[in-house]
Amino acid sequence: MFLCNLPNRKNQFLPNIKYLWFLLATAITNPLPEEKKTDNLTKREVFLKSTFIALFVIIPSLSSFFLAWIILNDLIQAIIIGAIIHFIAMGFSLKISKKFIIKQD
């Protein structure tokens, strides 16, 4: 059983006082952990690295879109091929950004 009444279909628009007090109590007793202080990147480094990652995602998807459009002469198939390549590149960019943006000592 809950300590408070959670909002349901009947009272979803009305704030439940017991629920709000429960949230306040949990926020006071369980504060967010303090973040570890790390060496921050400068604005220029962030701009350059994020630009590189954006180009890494955009160039393969646009080039595959235009090549497929020229070769197949069908816009819909070219869009689908470009979108597939775009999402594959986005998956790789996540792995690259984790290694690339973290400042090395």
C-alpha atoms as a PDB file:
ATOM      1  CA  MET A   1       0.000   0.000   0.000  1.00  0.00           C
ATOM      2  CA  PHE A   2       1.247   3.476  -0.817  1.00  0.00           C
ATOM      3  CA  LEU A   3       1.934   6.022   1.886  1.00  0.00           C
ATOM      4  CA  CYS A   4      -0.047   8.507  -0.147  1.00  0.00           C
ATOM      5  CA  ASN A   5      -2.705   8.551  -2.802  1.00  0.00           C
ATOM      6  CA  LEU A   6      -1.120   8.794  -6.225  1.00  0.00           C
ATOM      7  CA  PRO A   7      -2.956  10.725  -8.942  1.00  0.00           C
ATOM      8  CA  ASN A   8      -5.341   8.550 -10.919  1.00  0.00           C
ATOM      9  CA  ARG A   9      -7.943   9.075 -13.648  1.00  0.00           C
ATOM     10  CA  LYS A  10     -10.408  10.691 -11.288  1.00  0.00           C
ATOM     11  CA  ASN A  11      -8.069  13.223  -9.708  1.00  0.00           C
ATOM     12  CA  GLN A  12      -5.266  13.587 -12.231  1.00  0.00           C
ATOM     13  CA  PHE A  13      -5.836  17.321 -12.637  1.00  0.00           C
ATOM     14  CA  LEU A  14      -6.119  18.075  -8.941  1.00  0.00           C
ATOM     15  CA  PRO A  15      -2.879  18.064  -6.961  1.00  0.00           C
ATOM     16  CA  ASN A  16      -3.001  15.575  -4.146  1.00  0.00           C
ATOM     17  CA  ILE A  17      -1.707  17.180  -0.939  1.00  0.00           C
ATOM     18  CA  LYS A  18      -0.533  13.905   0.579  1.00  0.00           C
ATOM     19  CA  TYR A  19       1.416  13.108  -2.574  1.00  0.00           C
ATOM     20  CA  LEU A  20       3.059  16.542  -2.626  1.00  0.00           C
ATOM     21  CA  TRP A  21       4.102  16.203   1.035  1.00  0.00           C
ATOM     22  CA  PHE A  22       5.546  12.781   0.267  1.00  0.00           C
ATOM     23  CA  LEU A  23       7.598  14.254  -2.581  1.00  0.00           C
ATOM     24  CA  LEU A  24       8.833  17.044  -0.341  1.00  0.00           C
ATOM     25  CA  ALA A  25       9.865  14.576   2.357  1.00  0.00           C
ATOM     26  CA  THR A  26      11.774  12.369  -0.085  1.00  0.00           C
ATOM     27  CA  ALA A  27      13.516  15.367  -1.652  1.00  0.00           C
ATOM     28  CA  ILE A  28      14.724  16.556   1.756  1.00  0.00           C
ATOM     29  CA  THR A  29      15.859  13.142   3.007  1.00  0.00           C
ATOM     30  CA  ASN A  30      17.436  12.024  -0.280  1.00  0.00           C
ATOM     31  CA  PRO A  31      19.172  15.013  -1.832  1.00  0.00           C
ATOM     32  CA  LEU A  32      20.870  14.658  -5.170  1.00  0.00           C
ATOM     33  CA  PRO A  33      24.490  13.510  -4.934  1.00  0.00           C
ATOM     34  CA  GLU A  34      27.095  16.175  -5.469  1.00  0.00           C
ATOM     35  CA  GLU A  35      28.800  16.005  -8.806  1.00  0.00           C
ATOM     36  CA  LYS A  36      32.482  15.312  -8.875  1.00  0.00           C
ATOM     37  CA  LYS A  37      34.523  18.274  -9.943  1.00  0.00           C
ATOM     38  CA  THR A  38      36.298  17.604 -13.205  1.00  0.00           C
ATOM     39  CA  ASP A  39      38.349  19.700 -15.534  1.00  0.00           C
ATOM     40  CA  ASN A  40      35.900  21.434 -17.796  1.00  0.00           C
ATOM     41  CA  LEU A  41      36.478  21.855 -21.490  1.00  0.00           C
ATOM     42  CA  THR A  42      36.758  25.351 -22.864  1.00  0.00           C
ATOM     43  CA  LYS A  43      34.018  26.684 -25.128  1.00  0.00           C
ATOM     44  CA  ARG A  44      36.319  26.475 -28.113  1.00  0.00           C
ATOM     45  CA  GLU A  45      37.142  22.807 -27.461  1.00  0.00           C
ATOM     46  CA  VAL A  46      33.463  21.944 -27.067  1.00  0.00           C
ATOM     47  CA  PHE A  47      32.611  23.799 -30.293  1.00  0.00           C
ATOM     48  CA  LEU A  48      35.367  22.113 -32.304  1.00  0.00           C
ATOM     49  CA  LYS A  49      34.708  18.615 -31.003  1.00  0.00           C
ATOM     50  CA  SER A  50      30.942  18.850 -31.411  1.00  0.00           C
ATOM     51  CA  THR A  51      31.384  20.218 -34.937  1.00  0.00           C
ATOM     52  CA  PHE A  52      33.581  17.253 -35.799  1.00  0.00           C
ATOM     53  CA  ILE A  53      30.981  14.817 -34.464  1.00  0.00           C
ATOM     54  CA  ALA A  54      28.195  16.602 -36.378  1.00  0.00           C
ATOM     55  CA  LEU A  55      30.196  16.366 -39.599  1.00  0.00           C
ATOM     56  CA  PHE A  56      30.847  12.697 -38.866  1.00  0.00           C
ATOM     57  CA  VAL A  57      27.079  12.134 -38.818  1.00  0.00           C
ATOM     58  CA  ILE A  58      26.030  14.446 -41.653  1.00  0.00           C
ATOM     59  CA  ILE A  59      28.583  13.727 -44.395  1.00  0.00           C
ATOM     60  CA  PRO A  60      27.931   9.954 -44.784  1.00  0.00           C
ATOM     61  CA  SER A  61      24.155  10.355 -44.683  1.00  0.00           C
ATOM     62  CA  LEU A  62      24.034  13.197 -47.202  1.00  0.00           C
ATOM     63  CA  SER A  63      26.527  11.562 -49.553  1.00  0.00           C
ATOM     64  CA  SER A  64      24.647   8.244 -49.463  1.00  0.00           C
ATOM     65  CA  PHE A  65      21.347  10.091 -50.061  1.00  0.00           C
ATOM     66  CA  PHE A  66      22.646  11.936 -53.135  1.00  0.00           C
ATOM     67  CA  LEU A  67      24.445   8.878 -54.534  1.00  0.00           C
ATOM     68  CA  ALA A  68      21.327   6.730 -54.120  1.00  0.00           C
ATOM     69  CA  TRP A  69      19.190   9.454 -55.695  1.00  0.00           C
ATOM     70  CA  ILE A  70      21.503   9.727 -58.701  1.00  0.00           C
ATOM     71  CA  ILE A  71      21.961   5.972 -59.161  1.00  0.00           C
ATOM     72  CA  LEU A  72      18.412   4.774 -58.426  1.00  0.00           C
ATOM     73  CA  ASN A  73      16.617   7.903 -59.700  1.00  0.00           C
ATOM     74  CA  ASP A  74      13.996   7.415 -56.983  1.00  0.00           C
ATOM     75  CA  LEU A  75      13.601   9.981 -54.219  1.00  0.00           C
ATOM     76  CA  ILE A  76      11.772   7.762 -51.703  1.00  0.00           C
ATOM     77  CA  GLN A  77      14.357   4.969 -51.830  1.00  0.00           C
ATOM     78  CA  ALA A  78      17.147   7.536 -51.543  1.00  0.00           C
ATOM     79  CA  ILE A  79      15.521   9.039 -48.443  1.00  0.00           C
ATOM     80  CA  ILE A  80      15.206   5.603 -46.842  1.00  0.00           C
ATOM     81  CA  ILE A  81      18.826   4.709 -47.597  1.00  0.00           C
ATOM     82  CA  GLY A  82      20.052   8.079 -46.324  1.00  0.00           C
ATOM     83  CA  ALA A  83      18.029   7.710 -43.111  1.00  0.00           C
ATOM     84  CA  ILE A  84      19.422   4.228 -42.456  1.00  0.00           C
ATOM     85  CA  ILE A  85      22.991   5.452 -42.952  1.00  0.00           C
ATOM     86  CA  HIS A  86      22.227   8.488 -40.769  1.00  0.00           C
ATOM     87  CA  PHE A  87      21.053   6.362 -37.823  1.00  0.00           C
ATOM     88  CA  ILE A  88      24.035   4.025 -38.168  1.00  0.00           C
ATOM     89  CA  ALA A  89      26.365   7.041 -38.065  1.00  0.00           C
ATOM     90  CA  MET A  90      24.502   8.398 -35.028  1.00  0.00           C
ATOM     91  CA  GLY A  91      25.119   5.109 -33.227  1.00  0.00           C
ATOM     92  CA  PHE A  92      28.831   5.335 -33.912  1.00  0.00           C
ATOM     93  CA  SER A  93      28.933   9.017 -32.960  1.00  0.00           C
ATOM     94  CA  LEU A  94      27.667   8.180 -29.474  1.00  0.00           C
ATOM     95  CA  LYS A  95      30.617   5.853 -28.935  1.00  0.00           C
ATOM     96  CA  ILE A  96      33.048   8.365 -30.412  1.00  0.00           C
ATOM     97  CA  SER A  97      31.739  11.260 -28.339  1.00  0.00           C
ATOM     98  CA  LYS A  98      32.197   9.367 -25.085  1.00  0.00           C
ATOM     99  CA  LYS A  99      35.884   8.873 -25.867  1.00  0.00           C
ATOM    100  CA  PHE A 100      36.439  12.135 -27.704  1.00  0.00           C
ATOM    101  CA  ILE A 101      34.828  14.731 -25.434  1.00  0.00           C
ATOM    102  CA  ILE A 102      36.097  13.446 -22.082  1.00  0.00           C
ATOM    103  CA  LYS A 103      39.237  15.382 -21.249  1.00  0.00           C
ATOM    104  CA  GLN A 104      42.305  13.173 -20.913  1.00  0.00           C
ATOM    105  CA  ASP A 105      44.970  13.922 -18.281  1.00  0.00           C
END
